[in-house]
Amino acid sequence: MIKSMTGFGKAICELPDKKISIEIKSLNSKQLDVNMRLPNLYRQKDLVLRNELSSQIGRGKVDVGFYIDFHGSEKNAIINAPVIENYYNQIKPISDKLGLSDNADILKTIMPLPDTVKIEQNELDEEEWKLIFTSFKEALSNINEFRAQEGEVLKIDIVERIENIRSLMLQIEPYETERIEKVRTRILDQLNELKDKITIDQNRFEQEMIYYLEKLDVTEEKVRLTNHLDYFTETVEKEELVGKKLGFIAQEIGREINTMGSKANHAEIQKLVIQMKDELEKIKEQNLNIL
């Protein structure tokens, strides 16, 4: 089963004094890129969370957020009286000198200044952390489920486009005989115009004609392209974490299609080649999001 790198997972941890919502979002990226937003109390567990996440997520640009909703008022915010007094002792003389003697206005000025309120840092409760970590793993499970669902949609799309390329390749065959006859006829017509001026060695001419027409033959390219298409489909069906591998196979598919285009020498074949390229580009775009 293939997975998308795009996903969203959420879990809620209910504790006696608070509710913690854990959200994990991911987008496509060449490697794992994690942005972790944690409350100060849980930052000591940053590495534990990252290790668990990397073992579950693989690749992607991942944002992790812990959002706390306290039940009632938070009790660890304390007025820092010595700091406020120090601010007051500095501001009061200036206020008196300017004739601004309202103490309430001075207090309004002081309170937004740094360190007027201090937050007492609680110790992390390990039993509480076990519950939070369990919820974190639940959020990871949810985002992986989301990614699997998105991956199934991607799989259906790219496999359909692979089969479209196969169908377009098969449509080339009826034009191949016609193309060879047109090339042969064109060369013969040009030689007939010169027959009074030059002598043609018929045997040598046939040898050169065969050599020239072999250079236009796309049988080998079709065989290799078929193999690459089969390998692409097998990889999608049987393997996980295939994004990079599918990218390599898509490159090989592109090489064969380009070679067929360079040998086309026929308007209808060229149109089919362009349609194959269009399907391949859409596959590559989708593959950027496959894990």
C-alpha atoms as a PDB file:
ATOM      1  CA  MET A   1       0.000   0.000   0.000  1.00  0.00           C
ATOM      2  CA  ILE A   2       1.417   3.373  -0.983  1.00  0.00           C
ATOM      3  CA  LYS A   3       0.956   6.427   1.229  1.00  0.00           C
ATOM      4  CA  SER A   4       0.655  10.112   0.525  1.00  0.00           C
ATOM      5  CA  MET A   5       2.942  12.547   2.307  1.00  0.00           C
ATOM      6  CA  THR A   6      -0.064  14.827   2.862  1.00  0.00           C
ATOM      7  CA  GLY A   7      -2.029  14.102   6.008  1.00  0.00           C
ATOM      8  CA  PHE A   8      -3.642  15.302   9.211  1.00  0.00           C
ATOM      9  CA  GLY A   9      -4.014  13.547  12.541  1.00  0.00           C
ATOM     10  CA  LYS A  10      -5.470  14.692  15.830  1.00  0.00           C
ATOM     11  CA  ALA A  11      -5.927  13.242  19.306  1.00  0.00           C
ATOM     12  CA  ILE A  12      -7.155  14.702  22.596  1.00  0.00           C
ATOM     13  CA  CYS A  13      -5.716  13.866  25.994  1.00  0.00           C
ATOM     14  CA  GLU A  14      -8.108  14.585  28.885  1.00  0.00           C
ATOM     15  CA  LEU A  15      -6.320  15.247  32.197  1.00  0.00           C
ATOM     16  CA  PRO A  16      -7.823  16.276  35.571  1.00  0.00           C
ATOM     17  CA  ASP A  17      -6.807  19.936  35.254  1.00  0.00           C
ATOM     18  CA  LYS A  18      -6.519  20.392  31.467  1.00  0.00           C
ATOM     19  CA  LYS A  19      -7.247  19.102  28.017  1.00  0.00           C
ATOM     20  CA  ILE A  20      -4.381  18.754  25.508  1.00  0.00           C
ATOM     21  CA  SER A  21      -5.165  18.696  21.797  1.00  0.00           C
ATOM     22  CA  ILE A  22      -2.365  17.191  19.722  1.00  0.00           C
ATOM     23  CA  GLU A  23      -2.397  17.995  16.000  1.00  0.00           C
ATOM     24  CA  ILE A  24      -0.012  16.673  13.359  1.00  0.00           C
ATOM     25  CA  LYS A  25      -0.012  17.999   9.790  1.00  0.00           C
ATOM     26  CA  SER A  26       2.249  16.880   6.952  1.00  0.00           C
ATOM     27  CA  LEU A  27       3.043  17.989   3.409  1.00  0.00           C
ATOM     28  CA  ASN A  28       5.430  16.620   0.785  1.00  0.00           C
ATOM     29  CA  SER A  29       9.184  17.059   1.207  1.00  0.00           C
ATOM     30  CA  LYS A  30      12.315  15.276  -0.004  1.00  0.00           C
ATOM     31  CA  GLN A  31      13.205  14.339   3.567  1.00  0.00           C
ATOM     32  CA  LEU A  32      11.727  14.505   7.057  1.00  0.00           C
ATOM     33  CA  ASP A  33      11.421  18.115   8.210  1.00  0.00           C
ATOM     34  CA  VAL A  34       9.753  18.470  11.631  1.00  0.00           C
ATOM     35  CA  ASN A  35       8.509  21.669  13.257  1.00  0.00           C
ATOM     36  CA  MET A  36       7.589  20.897  16.884  1.00  0.00           C
ATOM     37  CA  ARG A  37       5.569  23.441  18.916  1.00  0.00           C
ATOM     38  CA  LEU A  38       5.560  22.306  22.535  1.00  0.00           C
ATOM     39  CA  PRO A  39       4.652  24.018  25.814  1.00  0.00           C
ATOM     40  CA  ASN A  40       7.725  24.642  27.986  1.00  0.00           C
ATOM     41  CA  LEU A  41       6.712  21.883  30.393  1.00  0.00           C
ATOM     42  CA  TYR A  42       7.048  19.202  27.697  1.00  0.00           C
ATOM     43  CA  ARG A  43      10.119  20.417  25.824  1.00  0.00           C
ATOM     44  CA  GLN A  44      12.357  17.962  27.634  1.00  0.00           C
ATOM     45  CA  LYS A  45      10.471  15.244  25.728  1.00  0.00           C
ATOM     46  CA  ASP A  46      11.137  16.802  22.326  1.00  0.00           C
ATOM     47  CA  LEU A  47      13.652  14.118  21.282  1.00  0.00           C
ATOM     48  CA  VAL A  48      11.342  11.288  22.410  1.00  0.00           C
ATOM     49  CA  LEU A  49       8.535  12.714  20.286  1.00  0.00           C
ATOM     50  CA  ARG A  50      10.804  13.210  17.265  1.00  0.00           C
ATOM     51  CA  ASN A  51      12.124   9.661  17.433  1.00  0.00           C
ATOM     52  CA  GLU A  52       8.611   8.216  17.583  1.00  0.00           C
ATOM     53  CA  LEU A  53       7.468  10.481  14.763  1.00  0.00           C
ATOM     54  CA  SER A  54      10.386   9.621  12.466  1.00  0.00           C
ATOM     55  CA  SER A  55       9.743   5.886  12.952  1.00  0.00           C
ATOM     56  CA  GLN A  56       6.096   6.329  11.910  1.00  0.00           C
ATOM     57  CA  ILE A  57       6.078   9.129   9.334  1.00  0.00           C
ATOM     58  CA  GLY A  58       9.105   8.523   7.083  1.00  0.00           C
ATOM     59  CA  ARG A  59       9.293  11.628   4.890  1.00  0.00           C
ATOM     60  CA  GLY A  60       7.445  14.915   4.746  1.00  0.00           C
ATOM     61  CA  LYS A  61       7.297  18.442   6.114  1.00  0.00           C
ATOM     62  CA  VAL A  62       5.578  17.863   9.458  1.00  0.00           C
ATOM     63  CA  ASP A  63       4.074  20.375  11.903  1.00  0.00           C
ATOM     64  CA  VAL A  64       3.293  19.159  15.414  1.00  0.00           C
ATOM     65  CA  GLY A  65       1.288  21.304  17.837  1.00  0.00           C
ATOM     66  CA  PHE A  66       0.277  20.787  21.474  1.00  0.00           C
ATOM     67  CA  TYR A  67      -2.648  23.043  22.462  1.00  0.00           C
ATOM     68  CA  ILE A  68      -3.615  23.221  26.154  1.00  0.00           C
ATOM     69  CA  ASP A  69      -7.043  24.170  27.474  1.00  0.00           C
ATOM     70  CA  PHE A  70      -6.967  24.521  31.276  1.00  0.00           C
ATOM     71  CA  HIS A  71     -10.060  23.646  33.315  1.00  0.00           C
ATOM     72  CA  GLY A  72     -10.764  26.848  35.239  1.00  0.00           C
ATOM     73  CA  SER A  73      -8.008  29.442  35.717  1.00  0.00           C
ATOM     74  CA  GLU A  74      -4.346  28.616  35.493  1.00  0.00           C
ATOM     75  CA  LYS A  75      -2.844  28.885  38.987  1.00  0.00           C
ATOM     76  CA  ASN A  76       0.844  29.165  38.246  1.00  0.00           C
ATOM     77  CA  ALA A  77       0.876  32.818  37.083  1.00  0.00           C
ATOM     78  CA  ILE A  78       2.233  35.057  39.897  1.00  0.00           C
ATOM     79  CA  ILE A  79       2.658  38.836  40.111  1.00  0.00           C
ATOM     80  CA  ASN A  80       6.376  39.617  40.362  1.00  0.00           C
ATOM     81  CA  ALA A  81       6.184  42.360  43.039  1.00  0.00           C
ATOM     82  CA  PRO A  82       9.935  43.217  43.312  1.00  0.00           C
ATOM     83  CA  VAL A  83      10.165  43.835  39.578  1.00  0.00           C
ATOM     84  CA  ILE A  84       7.037  46.013  39.612  1.00  0.00           C
ATOM     85  CA  GLU A  85       8.396  48.044  42.573  1.00  0.00           C
ATOM     86  CA  ASN A  86      11.668  48.565  40.746  1.00  0.00           C
ATOM     87  CA  TYR A  87       9.828  49.813  37.642  1.00  0.00           C
ATOM     88  CA  TYR A  88       7.685  52.092  39.840  1.00  0.00           C
ATOM     89  CA  ASN A  89      10.674  53.621  41.630  1.00  0.00           C
ATOM     90  CA  GLN A  90      12.193  54.518  38.266  1.00  0.00           C
ATOM     91  CA  ILE A  91       9.021  55.800  36.592  1.00  0.00           C
ATOM     92  CA  LYS A  92       7.492  57.756  39.571  1.00  0.00           C
ATOM     93  CA  PRO A  93      10.136  60.553  39.666  1.00  0.00           C
ATOM     94  CA  ILE A  94       9.781  61.028  35.909  1.00  0.00           C
ATOM     95  CA  SER A  95       5.984  61.135  36.238  1.00  0.00           C
ATOM     96  CA  ASP A  96       6.161  63.727  39.055  1.00  0.00           C
ATOM     97  CA  LYS A  97       8.573  65.876  37.072  1.00  0.00           C
ATOM     98  CA  LEU A  98       6.181  65.877  34.112  1.00  0.00           C
ATOM     99  CA  GLY A  99       3.128  66.471  36.322  1.00  0.00           C
ATOM    100  CA  LEU A 100       1.680  63.032  35.676  1.00  0.00           C
ATOM    101  CA  SER A 101       0.864  61.970  39.221  1.00  0.00           C
ATOM    102  CA  ASP A 102      -1.913  59.382  38.666  1.00  0.00           C
ATOM    103  CA  ASN A 103      -0.586  56.125  40.163  1.00  0.00           C
ATOM    104  CA  ALA A 104      -3.169  54.046  38.284  1.00  0.00           C
ATOM    105  CA  ASP A 105      -1.793  55.266  34.966  1.00  0.00           C
ATOM    106  CA  ILE A 106       1.705  54.384  36.123  1.00  0.00           C
ATOM    107  CA  LEU A 107       0.586  50.842  36.977  1.00  0.00           C
ATOM    108  CA  LYS A 108      -1.038  50.452  33.543  1.00  0.00           C
ATOM    109  CA  THR A 109       2.282  51.463  32.020  1.00  0.00           C
ATOM    110  CA  ILE A 110       4.283  49.038  34.157  1.00  0.00           C
ATOM    111  CA  MET A 111       2.242  45.834  33.829  1.00  0.00           C
ATOM    112  CA  PRO A 112       2.971  45.193  30.117  1.00  0.00           C
ATOM    113  CA  LEU A 113       6.715  45.522  30.760  1.00  0.00           C
ATOM    114  CA  PRO A 114       8.902  42.377  30.820  1.00  0.00           C
ATOM    115  CA  ASP A 115       8.901  40.053  33.850  1.00  0.00           C
ATOM    116  CA  THR A 116       6.047  41.729  35.759  1.00  0.00           C
ATOM    117  CA  VAL A 117       4.294  38.346  35.812  1.00  0.00           C
ATOM    118  CA  LYS A 118       6.204  35.138  36.346  1.00  0.00           C
ATOM    119  CA  ILE A 119       5.057  31.623  35.560  1.00  0.00           C
ATOM    120  CA  GLU A 120       6.000  28.980  38.073  1.00  0.00           C
ATOM    121  CA  GLN A 121       7.246  25.966  36.142  1.00  0.00           C
ATOM    122  CA  ASN A 122       5.728  22.736  37.394  1.00  0.00           C
ATOM    123  CA  GLU A 123       7.660  19.493  37.292  1.00  0.00           C
ATOM    124  CA  LEU A 124       6.615  17.065  34.591  1.00  0.00           C
ATOM    125  CA  ASP A 125       4.547  14.237  36.028  1.00  0.00           C
ATOM    126  CA  GLU A 126       5.672  10.974  34.395  1.00  0.00           C
ATOM    127  CA  GLU A 127       2.255   9.344  34.818  1.00  0.00           C
ATOM    128  CA  GLU A 128       0.695  12.336  33.109  1.00  0.00           C
ATOM    129  CA  TRP A 129       3.319  12.118  30.369  1.00  0.00           C
ATOM    130  CA  LYS A 130       2.453   8.469  29.675  1.00  0.00           C
ATOM    131  CA  LEU A 131      -1.130   9.509  28.922  1.00  0.00           C
ATOM    132  CA  ILE A 132       0.051  12.371  26.713  1.00  0.00           C
ATOM    133  CA  PHE A 133       2.485  10.135  24.824  1.00  0.00           C
ATOM    134  CA  THR A 134      -0.269   7.581  24.242  1.00  0.00           C
ATOM    135  CA  SER A 135      -2.402  10.352  22.732  1.00  0.00           C
ATOM    136  CA  PHE A 136       0.555  11.449  20.594  1.00  0.00           C
ATOM    137  CA  LYS A 137       0.854   7.928  19.170  1.00  0.00           C
ATOM    138  CA  GLU A 138      -2.898   7.969  18.531  1.00  0.00           C
ATOM    139  CA  ALA A 139      -2.468  11.183  16.506  1.00  0.00           C
ATOM    140  CA  LEU A 140       0.332   9.488  14.555  1.00  0.00           C
ATOM    141  CA  SER A 141      -1.937   6.532  13.866  1.00  0.00           C
ATOM    142  CA  ASN A 142      -4.653   8.895  12.637  1.00  0.00           C
ATOM    143  CA  ILE A 143      -2.334  10.766  10.281  1.00  0.00           C
ATOM    144  CA  ASN A 144      -1.030   7.471   8.890  1.00  0.00           C
ATOM    145  CA  GLU A 145      -4.594   6.341   8.252  1.00  0.00           C
ATOM    146  CA  PHE A 146      -5.237   9.646   6.467  1.00  0.00           C
ATOM    147  CA  ARG A 147      -2.059   9.209   4.422  1.00  0.00           C
ATOM    148  CA  ALA A 148      -3.055   5.669   3.460  1.00  0.00           C
ATOM    149  CA  GLN A 149      -6.448   6.879   2.217  1.00  0.00           C
ATOM    150  CA  GLU A 150      -4.816   9.661   0.199  1.00  0.00           C
ATOM    151  CA  GLY A 151      -2.267   7.149  -1.091  1.00  0.00           C
ATOM    152  CA  GLU A 152      -5.028   4.911  -2.428  1.00  0.00           C
ATOM    153  CA  VAL A 153      -6.411   7.860  -4.420  1.00  0.00           C
ATOM    154  CA  LEU A 154      -2.932   8.592  -5.803  1.00  0.00           C
ATOM    155  CA  LYS A 155      -2.418   4.930  -6.678  1.00  0.00           C
ATOM    156  CA  ILE A 156      -5.646   4.733  -8.691  1.00  0.00           C
ATOM    157  CA  ASP A 157      -4.707   7.873 -10.607  1.00  0.00           C
ATOM    158  CA  ILE A 158      -1.116   6.964 -11.494  1.00  0.00           C
ATOM    159  CA  VAL A 159      -1.926   3.357 -12.419  1.00  0.00           C
ATOM    160  CA  GLU A 160      -4.661   4.626 -14.731  1.00  0.00           C
ATOM    161  CA  ARG A 161      -2.174   6.977 -16.374  1.00  0.00           C
ATOM    162  CA  ILE A 162       0.380   4.171 -16.753  1.00  0.00           C
ATOM    163  CA  GLU A 163      -2.267   2.163 -18.595  1.00  0.00           C
ATOM    164  CA  ASN A 164      -3.047   5.226 -20.721  1.00  0.00           C
ATOM    165  CA  ILE A 165       0.618   5.325 -21.781  1.00  0.00           C
ATOM    166  CA  ARG A 166       0.482   1.616 -22.603  1.00  0.00           C
ATOM    167  CA  SER A 167      -2.654   2.142 -24.720  1.00  0.00           C
ATOM    168  CA  LEU A 168      -1.097   5.086 -26.569  1.00  0.00           C
ATOM    169  CA  MET A 169       2.042   3.030 -27.271  1.00  0.00           C
ATOM    170  CA  LEU A 170      -0.067   0.257 -28.837  1.00  0.00           C
ATOM    171  CA  GLN A 171      -1.777   2.824 -31.058  1.00  0.00           C
ATOM    172  CA  ILE A 172       1.586   3.578 -32.701  1.00  0.00           C
ATOM    173  CA  GLU A 173       1.826   0.172 -34.369  1.00  0.00           C
ATOM    174  CA  PRO A 174      -0.651   0.758 -37.260  1.00  0.00           C
ATOM    175  CA  TYR A 175       1.308   3.830 -38.327  1.00  0.00           C
ATOM    176  CA  GLU A 176       4.711   2.128 -38.392  1.00  0.00           C
ATOM    177  CA  THR A 177       4.257   0.214 -41.674  1.00  0.00           C
ATOM    178  CA  GLU A 178       2.642   3.250 -43.256  1.00  0.00           C
ATOM    179  CA  ARG A 179       5.543   5.429 -42.110  1.00  0.00           C
ATOM    180  CA  ILE A 180       8.191   3.081 -43.587  1.00  0.00           C
ATOM    181  CA  GLU A 181       6.401   2.965 -46.944  1.00  0.00           C
ATOM    182  CA  LYS A 182       6.127   6.764 -46.997  1.00  0.00           C
ATOM    183  CA  VAL A 183       9.832   7.169 -46.274  1.00  0.00           C
ATOM    184  CA  ARG A 184      10.776   4.572 -48.919  1.00  0.00           C
ATOM    185  CA  THR A 185       8.497   6.205 -51.502  1.00  0.00           C
ATOM    186  CA  ARG A 186       9.848   9.678 -50.785  1.00  0.00           C
ATOM    187  CA  ILE A 187      13.460   8.573 -51.193  1.00  0.00           C
ATOM    188  CA  LEU A 188      12.683   6.656 -54.406  1.00  0.00           C
ATOM    189  CA  ASP A 189      10.866   9.672 -55.859  1.00  0.00           C
ATOM    190  CA  GLN A 190      13.866  11.867 -55.117  1.00  0.00           C
ATOM    191  CA  LEU A 191      16.229   9.351 -56.725  1.00  0.00           C
ATOM    192  CA  ASN A 192      14.042   9.038 -59.806  1.00  0.00           C
ATOM    193  CA  GLU A 193      14.370  12.754 -60.336  1.00  0.00           C
ATOM    194  CA  LEU A 194      18.142  12.268 -60.460  1.00  0.00           C
ATOM    195  CA  LYS A 195      18.302   9.016 -62.439  1.00  0.00           C
ATOM    196  CA  ASP A 196      19.363  10.801 -65.616  1.00  0.00           C
ATOM    197  CA  LYS A 197      22.240  12.496 -63.818  1.00  0.00           C
ATOM    198  CA  ILE A 198      23.624   9.717 -61.621  1.00  0.00           C
ATOM    199  CA  THR A 199      24.090   5.939 -61.678  1.00  0.00           C
ATOM    200  CA  ILE A 200      22.525   4.027 -58.787  1.00  0.00           C
ATOM    201  CA  ASP A 201      23.962   0.773 -57.449  1.00  0.00           C
ATOM    202  CA  GLN A 202      20.721  -1.034 -56.635  1.00  0.00           C
ATOM    203  CA  ASN A 203      22.292  -3.454 -54.156  1.00  0.00           C
ATOM    204  CA  ARG A 204      24.047  -0.657 -52.289  1.00  0.00           C
ATOM    205  CA  PHE A 205      20.857   1.371 -52.369  1.00  0.00           C
ATOM    206  CA  GLU A 206      18.865  -1.457 -50.754  1.00  0.00           C
ATOM    207  CA  GLN A 207      21.515  -1.875 -48.042  1.00  0.00           C
ATOM    208  CA  GLU A 208      21.463   1.841 -47.243  1.00  0.00           C
ATOM    209  CA  MET A 209      17.677   1.855 -47.269  1.00  0.00           C
ATOM    210  CA  ILE A 210      17.531  -1.024 -44.788  1.00  0.00           C
ATOM    211  CA  TYR A 211      20.082   0.709 -42.541  1.00  0.00           C
ATOM    212  CA  TYR A 212      18.143   3.971 -42.646  1.00  0.00           C
ATOM    213  CA  LEU A 213      14.793   2.348 -41.923  1.00  0.00           C
ATOM    214  CA  GLU A 214      16.267   0.346 -39.031  1.00  0.00           C
ATOM    215  CA  LYS A 215      17.290   3.630 -37.432  1.00  0.00           C
ATOM    216  CA  LEU A 216      13.623   4.638 -37.461  1.00  0.00           C
ATOM    217  CA  ASP A 217      12.431   1.352 -35.954  1.00  0.00           C
ATOM    218  CA  VAL A 218      11.023   1.721 -32.408  1.00  0.00           C
ATOM    219  CA  THR A 219      10.520  -1.972 -31.579  1.00  0.00           C
ATOM    220  CA  GLU A 220      13.272  -1.995 -28.933  1.00  0.00           C
ATOM    221  CA  GLU A 221      11.919   1.175 -27.352  1.00  0.00           C
ATOM    222  CA  LYS A 222       8.434  -0.329 -27.144  1.00  0.00           C
ATOM    223  CA  VAL A 223       9.782  -3.507 -25.518  1.00  0.00           C
ATOM    224  CA  ARG A 224      11.745  -1.515 -22.924  1.00  0.00           C
ATOM    225  CA  LEU A 225       8.841   0.843 -22.329  1.00  0.00           C
ATOM    226  CA  THR A 226       6.513  -2.126 -21.746  1.00  0.00           C
ATOM    227  CA  ASN A 227       8.968  -3.551 -19.201  1.00  0.00           C
ATOM    228  CA  HIS A 228       9.191  -0.214 -17.378  1.00  0.00           C
ATOM    229  CA  LEU A 229       5.402   0.142 -17.299  1.00  0.00           C
ATOM    230  CA  ASP A 230       5.059  -3.386 -15.882  1.00  0.00           C
ATOM    231  CA  TYR A 231       7.735  -2.715 -13.264  1.00  0.00           C
ATOM    232  CA  PHE A 232       6.046   0.545 -12.251  1.00  0.00           C
ATOM    233  CA  THR A 233       2.711  -1.237 -11.709  1.00  0.00           C
ATOM    234  CA  GLU A 234       4.316  -4.123  -9.801  1.00  0.00           C
ATOM    235  CA  THR A 235       6.153  -1.688  -7.518  1.00  0.00           C
ATOM    236  CA  VAL A 236       2.969   0.240  -6.736  1.00  0.00           C
ATOM    237  CA  GLU A 237       1.108  -2.964  -5.851  1.00  0.00           C
ATOM    238  CA  LYS A 238       3.745  -4.773  -3.805  1.00  0.00           C
ATOM    239  CA  GLU A 239       5.986  -2.283  -2.030  1.00  0.00           C
ATOM    240  CA  GLU A 240       5.736   0.516   0.543  1.00  0.00           C
ATOM    241  CA  LEU A 241       7.695   3.784   0.739  1.00  0.00           C
ATOM    242  CA  VAL A 242       8.040   3.724  -3.038  1.00  0.00           C
ATOM    243  CA  GLY A 243       8.002   7.433  -3.922  1.00  0.00           C
ATOM    244  CA  LYS A 244      11.693   7.693  -4.801  1.00  0.00           C
ATOM    245  CA  LYS A 245      11.749   4.334  -6.609  1.00  0.00           C
ATOM    246  CA  LEU A 246       8.730   5.266  -8.713  1.00  0.00           C
ATOM    247  CA  GLY A 247      10.512   8.502  -9.574  1.00  0.00           C
ATOM    248  CA  PHE A 248      13.476   6.561 -10.966  1.00  0.00           C
ATOM    249  CA  ILE A 249      11.206   4.265 -12.991  1.00  0.00           C
ATOM    250  CA  ALA A 250       9.342   7.301 -14.355  1.00  0.00           C
ATOM    251  CA  GLN A 251      12.670   8.708 -15.574  1.00  0.00           C
ATOM    252  CA  GLU A 252      13.336   5.506 -17.510  1.00  0.00           C
ATOM    253  CA  ILE A 253       9.834   5.624 -18.989  1.00  0.00           C
ATOM    254  CA  GLY A 254      10.536   9.188 -20.091  1.00  0.00           C
ATOM    255  CA  ARG A 255      13.768   8.183 -21.844  1.00  0.00           C
ATOM    256  CA  GLU A 256      12.004   5.568 -23.971  1.00  0.00           C
ATOM    257  CA  ILE A 257       9.154   7.937 -24.858  1.00  0.00           C
ATOM    258  CA  ASN A 258      11.640  10.656 -25.853  1.00  0.00           C
ATOM    259  CA  THR A 259      13.569   8.243 -28.060  1.00  0.00           C
ATOM    260  CA  MET A 260      10.357   7.163 -29.768  1.00  0.00           C
ATOM    261  CA  GLY A 261       9.557  10.818 -30.370  1.00  0.00           C
ATOM    262  CA  SER A 262      12.957  11.486 -31.922  1.00  0.00           C
ATOM    263  CA  LYS A 263      12.422   8.525 -34.289  1.00  0.00           C
ATOM    264  CA  ALA A 264       8.760   9.274 -35.035  1.00  0.00           C
ATOM    265  CA  ASN A 265       9.063  10.895 -38.476  1.00  0.00           C
ATOM    266  CA  HIS A 266       5.277  10.716 -38.666  1.00  0.00           C
ATOM    267  CA  ALA A 267       2.717  13.286 -37.577  1.00  0.00           C
ATOM    268  CA  GLU A 268       0.284  10.834 -35.962  1.00  0.00           C
ATOM    269  CA  ILE A 269       3.042   9.009 -34.071  1.00  0.00           C
ATOM    270  CA  GLN A 270       4.329  12.364 -32.839  1.00  0.00           C
ATOM    271  CA  LYS A 271       0.856  13.218 -31.520  1.00  0.00           C
ATOM    272  CA  LEU A 272       0.719   9.943 -29.615  1.00  0.00           C
ATOM    273  CA  VAL A 273       4.182  10.578 -28.168  1.00  0.00           C
ATOM    274  CA  ILE A 274       3.075  14.033 -26.964  1.00  0.00           C
ATOM    275  CA  GLN A 275       0.044  12.473 -25.242  1.00  0.00           C
ATOM    276  CA  MET A 276       2.320   9.919 -23.545  1.00  0.00           C
ATOM    277  CA  LYS A 277       4.578  12.722 -22.325  1.00  0.00           C
ATOM    278  CA  ASP A 278       1.565  14.560 -20.948  1.00  0.00           C
ATOM    279  CA  GLU A 279       0.439  11.476 -19.008  1.00  0.00           C
ATOM    280  CA  LEU A 280       3.969  10.953 -17.679  1.00  0.00           C
ATOM    281  CA  GLU A 281       4.234  14.558 -16.466  1.00  0.00           C
ATOM    282  CA  LYS A 282       1.007  14.126 -14.504  1.00  0.00           C
ATOM    283  CA  ILE A 283       2.399  10.919 -12.994  1.00  0.00           C
ATOM    284  CA  LYS A 284       5.553  12.768 -11.939  1.00  0.00           C
ATOM    285  CA  GLU A 285       3.500  15.529 -10.348  1.00  0.00           C
ATOM    286  CA  GLN A 286       1.486  13.012  -8.343  1.00  0.00           C
ATOM    287  CA  ASN A 287       4.616  11.067  -7.426  1.00  0.00           C
ATOM    288  CA  LEU A 288       6.045  14.117  -5.659  1.00  0.00           C
ATOM    289  CA  ASN A 289       3.453  13.495  -2.955  1.00  0.00           C
ATOM    290  CA  ILE A 290       4.009   9.750  -2.588  1.00  0.00           C
ATOM    291  CA  LEU A 291       5.898   8.580   0.487  1.00  0.00           C
END
